[in-house]
Amino acid sequence: MTGVLGSMIPGGYEQVVFCHDRRTGLRSIIAIHDTTLGPALGGVRMWPYASEAAALEDCLRLARAMTYKAAAAGVNLGGGKSVVIADPARDKSEALLRAHGRFIQSLGGRYIPGIDVGTSTDDLRVIAVEAERVSCIEGDPAPLTALGVLHGIRACVEAIFGEPSLEGRRAVVQGAGHVGAALARMLTVEGAEVAVSDVRDDLARAVAAEIGGTVVAADAAVTSDCDILAPCALGAVVDDTTALLLRCRIIAGAANNVLLEPRHADVLAQRGILYAPDYVINAGGLIFIEEEMLGHTRERAEARVRGVGDAVRHVIARAREQGTSTAAAADRIAEERLAQLASVGPGWVRHAPH
């Protein structure tokens, strides 16, 4: 089978919605991968995709990653995503965001939007004018995502070097946005030597100046000589070319879909590079969102987010025990939880946190 259904069925996707609003020019896609654990949560990404096919591929991959992220983190939410095909610097408007919100509302709570590339807390508040169930309107989850990544990096450093201290370790943070900047600050406090990179050189220089770090050119970040490479921007960082050129010991960052294809995890394992599966190490923001929905305190959320380090340790231990890549071990952990709850019924009907 070809076309959209041909992309959906093999990956187990439940629903894909293409949206168009004539008045605002909105073109967007909403993908719901799996609602076994709960309503599908996922950010609204606004990006000027080169084609509709590229937008669909990104949306599908990100939605699936959210399912696995929630399952591996013990979060009772499903996996979804939406992408708006637009340039956030030029095309974003209240009318456009509200139009997208109306399409989200039409799904009856099956999909809960959040922040992603190209959107902010303020944007989600606009979407919430039209959609009843919206996350990230009380605060930006980026600092909690960064906190979880920090604890995951400690676990990786311990696995490679024998102890979790970051003192003197060289880290390259690729991406100087909300999460990348927060992570760079945290790594600096921990005593790491931090280099910052971003496609916007001004952002990289601003963060580097703030923390007393250095700047790495955007096209050189991935292959920089370092202990820790922390991708915190767009995905597909590791592909056929970069997998062989990497000069790091650890890949651990906040970006989604760091691997272009799952097979690249095996290449990293063969090269002795420890990869912290992205949806495990970057789950801090998702954990925060669930805590927010349940009305719990930020202190409780932070305590749960620190557990990301233990989750990464568990994945590393499973990979070593089973002789697999960390990516394969993480998938098994997530799939085991999904299988245990699959017979209970769709989680978006069973439980609906507000």
Foldseek 3Di string as FASTA:
>chain_A
DDDPVVVQVVQQWDDKDWDADPVQRWTKMKTARAQLLAAAEEAEAEEQDPDPVVRSVVQVQQQSLSQLLCLLLVHRGHGMYMYINHDLVPRDDLVNLCRVLQVVQVVVQSYEYDHDHSDALVSQVSSCVRHVHYFQVVHDLLLQLLLLLLLQQLLVCCVVVVGRQQAAFEEEEEDLPSNSLSNQQVSLVSHHAYEYEYCPVVSRVVSCVVSVHHYDYNVCLQLDAGAEYAYEHEACLDDPPSLVRHRYQEYTYQYAHNHPDPCSLVSCVVVNRAYQHNSLSSSLSVLQRSCVLQVHDVVVSSVSSSCSSVSSNVLVVQCVVVVHGSVVSSSVSSVVSSVVSVVVDRRNVVDRRD
